[in-house]
Amino acid sequence: MRTLKHYEKILSDNPDTTIGFTLAADMVYAALHGQCDVSDHINQQWRDIARRLKSRYGENLTADEVRLEMATSNAAAIMGRKGGSVKSEKKTTAVRENAQKGGRPKSPFITTDTDYDLENGFVWTFFSQGPPIREGYQKAPYYVQACLSQRAAGVGFKREISRNDDGVDDGLSADENSAAIKRFGLETCRRVLYREARRIGIRIAP
């Protein structure tokens, strides 16, 4: 397990080096949590950080780029904690009323893996209904994929799903999604996929 000080020393001792996006993700994660271990690589937050860094910078980052990402992530976390600590009387009352009703209802769908492929133009998620399967180790039994929006030039794809042309029930995706759609219905499958796609930075366009 490496501490934040360990990573800060690496950056200080090697100001002109380039850093692979995986190590950079460890550093940003440590900026948020004070430390990072290889076991954290199955954590969804670490995976989101790594995916974002690779998408933004490619395979390698400069030391200055890593410092900027660490500082930005840490500042955002601090602001989020401050914002989350502000409670209004209305919010407190709502929480109390929800607790008396048994709390906020949880989604019955547990996702174990969500990702996208900009080269081939797909985004997908694996999910189950009921108790979670060992996350990070085993795929869930149901799978849904959608098409990403193509770029205006016709080359490559955007991190975006168009509601009017998501391909969930059309062509190749329809074949892949048939088991989940038959079990849960088209709109439920769409809702689960859109929710998880947003979590990894995919925009849902009209």
C-alpha atoms as a PDB file:
ATOM      1  CA  MET A   1       0.000   0.000   0.000  1.00  0.00           C
ATOM      2  CA  ARG A   2       1.373   3.412  -1.019  1.00  0.00           C
ATOM      3  CA  THR A   3       0.588   6.637   0.803  1.00  0.00           C
ATOM      4  CA  LEU A   4      -0.023  10.060  -0.697  1.00  0.00           C
ATOM      5  CA  LYS A   5       3.398  11.204   0.577  1.00  0.00           C
ATOM      6  CA  HIS A   6       5.045   8.355  -1.338  1.00  0.00           C
ATOM      7  CA  TYR A   7       3.472   9.501  -4.600  1.00  0.00           C
ATOM      8  CA  GLU A   8       4.242  13.162  -3.909  1.00  0.00           C
ATOM      9  CA  LYS A   9       7.913  12.209  -3.436  1.00  0.00           C
ATOM     10  CA  ILE A  10       7.933  10.378  -6.784  1.00  0.00           C
ATOM     11  CA  LEU A  11       6.652  13.517  -8.496  1.00  0.00           C
ATOM     12  CA  SER A  12       9.086  15.749  -6.624  1.00  0.00           C
ATOM     13  CA  ASP A  13      12.114  13.556  -7.403  1.00  0.00           C
ATOM     14  CA  ASN A  14      11.156  13.070 -11.069  1.00  0.00           C
ATOM     15  CA  PRO A  15       9.742  16.394 -12.360  1.00  0.00           C
ATOM     16  CA  ASP A  16      10.510  15.646 -16.013  1.00  0.00           C
ATOM     17  CA  THR A  17       9.327  12.047 -16.168  1.00  0.00           C
ATOM     18  CA  THR A  18       6.217  10.699 -17.872  1.00  0.00           C
ATOM     19  CA  ILE A  19       3.797   8.592 -15.860  1.00  0.00           C
ATOM     20  CA  GLY A  20       1.556   5.823 -17.179  1.00  0.00           C
ATOM     21  CA  PHE A  21      -2.155   6.449 -16.717  1.00  0.00           C
ATOM     22  CA  THR A  22      -2.491   3.471 -14.326  1.00  0.00           C
ATOM     23  CA  LEU A  23       0.113   4.846 -11.915  1.00  0.00           C
ATOM     24  CA  ALA A  24      -1.385   8.308 -12.372  1.00  0.00           C
ATOM     25  CA  ALA A  25      -4.781   6.884 -11.358  1.00  0.00           C
ATOM     26  CA  ASP A  26      -3.142   5.491  -8.188  1.00  0.00           C
ATOM     27  CA  MET A  27      -1.806   8.967  -7.407  1.00  0.00           C
ATOM     28  CA  VAL A  28      -5.142  10.707  -7.953  1.00  0.00           C
ATOM     29  CA  TYR A  29      -6.929   8.050  -5.890  1.00  0.00           C
ATOM     30  CA  ALA A  30      -4.370   8.558  -3.107  1.00  0.00           C
ATOM     31  CA  ALA A  31      -5.016  12.316  -3.253  1.00  0.00           C
ATOM     32  CA  LEU A  32      -8.648  11.537  -2.454  1.00  0.00           C
ATOM     33  CA  HIS A  33      -8.138   8.818   0.162  1.00  0.00           C
ATOM     34  CA  GLY A  34      -4.600   9.310   1.501  1.00  0.00           C
ATOM     35  CA  GLN A  35      -3.363   5.993   0.111  1.00  0.00           C
ATOM     36  CA  CYS A  36      -3.811   3.491  -2.704  1.00  0.00           C
ATOM     37  CA  ASP A  37      -3.270  -0.244  -2.981  1.00  0.00           C
ATOM     38  CA  VAL A  38      -3.460  -2.609  -5.955  1.00  0.00           C
ATOM     39  CA  SER A  39      -6.636  -4.048  -4.406  1.00  0.00           C
ATOM     40  CA  ASP A  40      -8.264  -0.647  -4.996  1.00  0.00           C
ATOM     41  CA  HIS A  41      -8.107  -1.292  -8.745  1.00  0.00           C
ATOM     42  CA  ILE A  42     -11.425  -3.165  -8.572  1.00  0.00           C
ATOM     43  CA  ASN A  43     -13.024  -0.129  -6.954  1.00  0.00           C
ATOM     44  CA  GLN A  44     -15.396   1.661  -9.345  1.00  0.00           C
ATOM     45  CA  GLN A  45     -14.005   5.073  -8.382  1.00  0.00           C
ATOM     46  CA  TRP A  46     -10.427   4.035  -9.239  1.00  0.00           C
ATOM     47  CA  ARG A  47     -11.598   2.584 -12.555  1.00  0.00           C
ATOM     48  CA  ASP A  48     -13.480   5.781 -13.380  1.00  0.00           C
ATOM     49  CA  ILE A  49     -10.365   7.836 -12.641  1.00  0.00           C
ATOM     50  CA  ALA A  50      -8.160   5.608 -14.802  1.00  0.00           C
ATOM     51  CA  ARG A  51     -10.661   5.685 -17.675  1.00  0.00           C
ATOM     52  CA  ARG A  52     -10.922   9.474 -17.490  1.00  0.00           C
ATOM     53  CA  LEU A  53      -7.143   9.986 -17.438  1.00  0.00           C
ATOM     54  CA  LYS A  54      -6.578   7.664 -20.394  1.00  0.00           C
ATOM     55  CA  SER A  55      -9.328   9.360 -22.368  1.00  0.00           C
ATOM     56  CA  ARG A  56      -7.983  12.854 -21.610  1.00  0.00           C
ATOM     57  CA  TYR A  57      -4.211  12.294 -21.862  1.00  0.00           C
ATOM     58  CA  GLY A  58      -3.626   8.949 -23.558  1.00  0.00           C
ATOM     59  CA  GLU A  59      -1.219   6.327 -22.206  1.00  0.00           C
ATOM     60  CA  ASN A  60       1.105   8.757 -20.380  1.00  0.00           C
ATOM     61  CA  LEU A  61       0.894  11.991 -18.398  1.00  0.00           C
ATOM     62  CA  THR A  62       3.535  14.531 -17.445  1.00  0.00           C
ATOM     63  CA  ALA A  63       4.309  15.100 -13.770  1.00  0.00           C
ATOM     64  CA  ASP A  64       2.623  18.515 -13.955  1.00  0.00           C
ATOM     65  CA  GLU A  65      -0.540  16.986 -15.423  1.00  0.00           C
ATOM     66  CA  VAL A  66      -0.671  14.436 -12.610  1.00  0.00           C
ATOM     67  CA  ARG A  67      -0.194  17.188  -9.997  1.00  0.00           C
ATOM     68  CA  LEU A  68      -3.040  19.151 -11.565  1.00  0.00           C
ATOM     69  CA  GLU A  69      -5.358  16.128 -11.515  1.00  0.00           C
ATOM     70  CA  MET A  70      -4.464  15.365  -7.907  1.00  0.00           C
ATOM     71  CA  ALA A  71      -5.070  18.957  -6.819  1.00  0.00           C
ATOM     72  CA  THR A  72      -8.346  19.211  -8.746  1.00  0.00           C
ATOM     73  CA  SER A  73      -9.706  15.916  -7.415  1.00  0.00           C
ATOM     74  CA  ASN A  74      -8.773  16.783  -3.854  1.00  0.00           C
ATOM     75  CA  ALA A  75     -10.372  20.229  -4.072  1.00  0.00           C
ATOM     76  CA  ALA A  76     -13.565  18.751  -5.534  1.00  0.00           C
ATOM     77  CA  ALA A  77     -13.724  16.173  -2.740  1.00  0.00           C
ATOM     78  CA  ILE A  78     -13.336  18.884  -0.083  1.00  0.00           C
ATOM     79  CA  MET A  79     -16.078  21.015  -1.650  1.00  0.00           C
ATOM     80  CA  GLY A  80     -18.323  17.981  -1.923  1.00  0.00           C
ATOM     81  CA  ARG A  81     -17.866  17.183   1.757  1.00  0.00           C
ATOM     82  CA  LYS A  82     -18.649  20.791   2.712  1.00  0.00           C
ATOM     83  CA  GLY A  83     -21.724  20.853   0.515  1.00  0.00           C
ATOM     84  CA  GLY A  84     -22.927  17.527   1.824  1.00  0.00           C
ATOM     85  CA  SER A  85     -22.581  18.697   5.415  1.00  0.00           C
ATOM     86  CA  VAL A  86     -25.071  21.533   4.957  1.00  0.00           C
ATOM     87  CA  LYS A  87     -28.442  20.440   6.252  1.00  0.00           C
ATOM     88  CA  SER A  88     -31.677  22.356   6.094  1.00  0.00           C
ATOM     89  CA  GLU A  89     -34.681  21.854   8.320  1.00  0.00           C
ATOM     90  CA  LYS A  90     -36.654  20.703   5.272  1.00  0.00           C
ATOM     91  CA  LYS A  91     -34.001  18.114   4.416  1.00  0.00           C
ATOM     92  CA  THR A  92     -33.890  16.811   7.986  1.00  0.00           C
ATOM     93  CA  THR A  93     -37.684  16.477   8.034  1.00  0.00           C
ATOM     94  CA  ALA A  94     -37.692  14.618   4.713  1.00  0.00           C
ATOM     95  CA  VAL A  95     -35.029  12.177   5.935  1.00  0.00           C
ATOM     96  CA  ARG A  96     -37.017  11.514   9.105  1.00  0.00           C
ATOM     97  CA  GLU A  97     -40.224  10.887   7.143  1.00  0.00           C
ATOM     98  CA  ASN A  98     -38.445   8.532   4.737  1.00  0.00           C
ATOM     99  CA  ALA A  99     -36.989   6.596   7.647  1.00  0.00           C
ATOM    100  CA  GLN A 100     -40.480   6.108   9.113  1.00  0.00           C
ATOM    101  CA  LYS A 101     -41.621   4.715   5.753  1.00  0.00           C
ATOM    102  CA  GLY A 102     -38.731   2.255   5.640  1.00  0.00           C
ATOM    103  CA  GLY A 103     -36.202   4.440   3.855  1.00  0.00           C
ATOM    104  CA  ARG A 104     -35.607   5.224   0.199  1.00  0.00           C
ATOM    105  CA  PRO A 105     -36.400   2.234  -2.023  1.00  0.00           C
ATOM    106  CA  LYS A 106     -33.269   0.673  -3.508  1.00  0.00           C
ATOM    107  CA  SER A 107     -32.949  -0.405  -7.103  1.00  0.00           C
ATOM    108  CA  PRO A 108     -33.273  -4.201  -7.428  1.00  0.00           C
ATOM    109  CA  PHE A 109     -30.653  -4.155 -10.201  1.00  0.00           C
ATOM    110  CA  ILE A 110     -27.009  -4.657  -9.212  1.00  0.00           C
ATOM    111  CA  THR A 111     -24.406  -3.824 -11.850  1.00  0.00           C
ATOM    112  CA  THR A 112     -20.996  -5.512 -11.840  1.00  0.00           C
ATOM    113  CA  ASP A 113     -19.297  -3.998 -14.886  1.00  0.00           C
ATOM    114  CA  THR A 114     -19.967  -1.048 -17.207  1.00  0.00           C
ATOM    115  CA  ASP A 115     -17.641   0.134 -19.980  1.00  0.00           C
ATOM    116  CA  TYR A 116     -17.520   1.554 -23.497  1.00  0.00           C
ATOM    117  CA  ASP A 117     -15.556   1.199 -26.738  1.00  0.00           C
ATOM    118  CA  LEU A 118     -15.033   4.400 -28.750  1.00  0.00           C
ATOM    119  CA  GLU A 119     -13.404   2.537 -31.625  1.00  0.00           C
ATOM    120  CA  ASN A 120     -16.364   0.266 -32.341  1.00  0.00           C
ATOM    121  CA  GLY A 121     -19.077   2.524 -30.912  1.00  0.00           C
ATOM    122  CA  PHE A 122     -20.674   0.587 -28.055  1.00  0.00           C
ATOM    123  CA  VAL A 123     -21.410   1.030 -24.344  1.00  0.00           C
ATOM    124  CA  TRP A 124     -22.555  -1.885 -22.185  1.00  0.00           C
ATOM    125  CA  THR A 125     -23.358  -2.997 -18.665  1.00  0.00           C
ATOM    126  CA  PHE A 126     -23.681  -6.351 -16.899  1.00  0.00           C
ATOM    127  CA  PHE A 127     -26.316  -6.554 -14.179  1.00  0.00           C
ATOM    128  CA  SER A 128     -28.270  -8.918 -11.989  1.00  0.00           C
ATOM    129  CA  GLN A 129     -31.468  -8.699 -10.018  1.00  0.00           C
ATOM    130  CA  GLY A 130     -31.226  -9.384  -6.315  1.00  0.00           C
ATOM    131  CA  PRO A 131     -28.093  -9.833  -4.169  1.00  0.00           C
ATOM    132  CA  PRO A 132     -24.897  -8.626  -5.871  1.00  0.00           C
ATOM    133  CA  ILE A 133     -22.586 -11.109  -7.487  1.00  0.00           C
ATOM    134  CA  ARG A 134     -18.974 -10.723  -6.309  1.00  0.00           C
ATOM    135  CA  GLU A 135     -18.283  -7.377  -7.913  1.00  0.00           C
ATOM    136  CA  GLY A 136     -15.108  -7.221  -9.951  1.00  0.00           C
ATOM    137  CA  TYR A 137     -14.702 -10.987 -10.095  1.00  0.00           C
ATOM    138  CA  GLN A 138     -17.688 -12.416 -11.907  1.00  0.00           C
ATOM    139  CA  LYS A 139     -20.006 -11.123 -14.622  1.00  0.00           C
ATOM    140  CA  ALA A 140     -23.687 -10.765 -13.841  1.00  0.00           C
ATOM    141  CA  PRO A 141     -26.100 -12.924 -15.846  1.00  0.00           C
ATOM    142  CA  TYR A 142     -27.793 -10.087 -17.776  1.00  0.00           C
ATOM    143  CA  TYR A 143     -26.208  -7.820 -20.347  1.00  0.00           C
ATOM    144  CA  VAL A 144     -27.386  -4.723 -22.212  1.00  0.00           C
ATOM    145  CA  GLN A 145     -25.497  -2.679 -24.794  1.00  0.00           C
ATOM    146  CA  ALA A 146     -26.253   0.424 -26.847  1.00  0.00           C
ATOM    147  CA  CYS A 147     -24.692   2.267 -29.762  1.00  0.00           C
ATOM    148  CA  LEU A 148     -22.665   5.426 -29.214  1.00  0.00           C
ATOM    149  CA  SER A 149     -23.335   8.487 -31.368  1.00  0.00           C
ATOM    150  CA  GLN A 150     -21.063   8.795 -34.385  1.00  0.00           C
ATOM    151  CA  ARG A 151     -18.945  11.922 -34.831  1.00  0.00           C
ATOM    152  CA  ALA A 152     -20.051  14.504 -37.386  1.00  0.00           C
ATOM    153  CA  ALA A 153     -17.119  13.674 -39.679  1.00  0.00           C
ATOM    154  CA  GLY A 154     -18.261  10.054 -39.764  1.00  0.00           C
ATOM    155  CA  VAL A 155     -15.017   8.802 -38.215  1.00  0.00           C
ATOM    156  CA  GLY A 156     -15.050   7.519 -34.640  1.00  0.00           C
ATOM    157  CA  PHE A 157     -17.663   7.854 -31.918  1.00  0.00           C
ATOM    158  CA  LYS A 158     -18.547  10.231 -29.091  1.00  0.00           C
ATOM    159  CA  ARG A 159     -19.083   9.421 -25.421  1.00  0.00           C
ATOM    160  CA  GLU A 160     -22.798   9.912 -25.994  1.00  0.00           C
ATOM    161  CA  ILE A 161     -25.964   7.884 -26.438  1.00  0.00           C
ATOM    162  CA  SER A 162     -28.785   9.354 -28.503  1.00  0.00           C
ATOM    163  CA  ARG A 163     -32.182   8.392 -27.069  1.00  0.00           C
ATOM    164  CA  ASN A 164     -33.665   8.402 -30.573  1.00  0.00           C
ATOM    165  CA  ASP A 165     -30.960   6.157 -32.013  1.00  0.00           C
ATOM    166  CA  ASP A 166     -29.501   4.065 -29.182  1.00  0.00           C
ATOM    167  CA  GLY A 167     -29.849   0.730 -31.022  1.00  0.00           C
ATOM    168  CA  VAL A 168     -30.862  -1.108 -27.827  1.00  0.00           C
ATOM    169  CA  ASP A 169     -33.676  -2.936 -29.640  1.00  0.00           C
ATOM    170  CA  ASP A 170     -32.250  -2.859 -33.163  1.00  0.00           C
ATOM    171  CA  GLY A 171     -29.704  -4.853 -35.158  1.00  0.00           C
ATOM    172  CA  LEU A 172     -26.704  -6.432 -33.436  1.00  0.00           C
ATOM    173  CA  SER A 173     -27.500  -4.889 -30.048  1.00  0.00           C
ATOM    174  CA  ALA A 174     -31.028  -6.304 -30.117  1.00  0.00           C
ATOM    175  CA  ASP A 175     -29.586  -9.806 -30.455  1.00  0.00           C
ATOM    176  CA  GLU A 176     -27.161  -9.211 -27.591  1.00  0.00           C
ATOM    177  CA  ASN A 177     -29.883  -7.698 -25.396  1.00  0.00           C
ATOM    178  CA  SER A 178     -32.629 -10.203 -26.125  1.00  0.00           C
ATOM    179  CA  ALA A 179     -32.344 -12.189 -22.866  1.00  0.00           C
ATOM    180  CA  ALA A 180     -32.433  -9.092 -20.650  1.00  0.00           C
ATOM    181  CA  ILE A 181     -35.258  -7.448 -22.646  1.00  0.00           C
ATOM    182  CA  LYS A 182     -37.323 -10.639 -22.504  1.00  0.00           C
ATOM    183  CA  ARG A 183     -36.798 -10.883 -18.731  1.00  0.00           C
ATOM    184  CA  PHE A 184     -37.222  -7.233 -17.671  1.00  0.00           C
ATOM    185  CA  GLY A 185     -38.692  -5.340 -20.620  1.00  0.00           C
ATOM    186  CA  LEU A 186     -37.140  -2.835 -23.004  1.00  0.00           C
ATOM    187  CA  GLU A 187     -37.638   0.348 -20.969  1.00  0.00           C
ATOM    188  CA  THR A 188     -36.263  -1.169 -17.759  1.00  0.00           C
ATOM    189  CA  CYS A 189     -33.144  -2.330 -19.589  1.00  0.00           C
ATOM    190  CA  ARG A 190     -32.740   1.129 -21.112  1.00  0.00           C
ATOM    191  CA  ARG A 191     -33.105   2.777 -17.708  1.00  0.00           C
ATOM    192  CA  VAL A 192     -30.436   0.570 -16.116  1.00  0.00           C
ATOM    193  CA  LEU A 193     -28.024   1.102 -19.011  1.00  0.00           C
ATOM    194  CA  TYR A 194     -28.527   4.885 -19.128  1.00  0.00           C
ATOM    195  CA  ARG A 195     -28.040   5.156 -15.362  1.00  0.00           C
ATOM    196  CA  GLU A 196     -24.774   3.237 -15.437  1.00  0.00           C
ATOM    197  CA  ALA A 197     -23.568   4.982 -18.610  1.00  0.00           C
ATOM    198  CA  ARG A 198     -23.935   8.364 -16.899  1.00  0.00           C
ATOM    199  CA  ARG A 199     -21.774   7.127 -14.036  1.00  0.00           C
ATOM    200  CA  ILE A 200     -18.830   6.518 -16.382  1.00  0.00           C
ATOM    201  CA  GLY A 201     -19.181   9.838 -18.169  1.00  0.00           C
ATOM    202  CA  ILE A 202     -21.464   8.949 -21.086  1.00  0.00           C
ATOM    203  CA  ARG A 203     -23.865  11.748 -22.045  1.00  0.00           C
ATOM    204  CA  ILE A 204     -27.489  10.837 -22.773  1.00  0.00           C
ATOM    205  CA  ALA A 205     -28.631  13.088 -25.631  1.00  0.00           C
ATOM    206  CA  PRO A 206     -32.272  13.734 -26.692  1.00  0.00           C
END
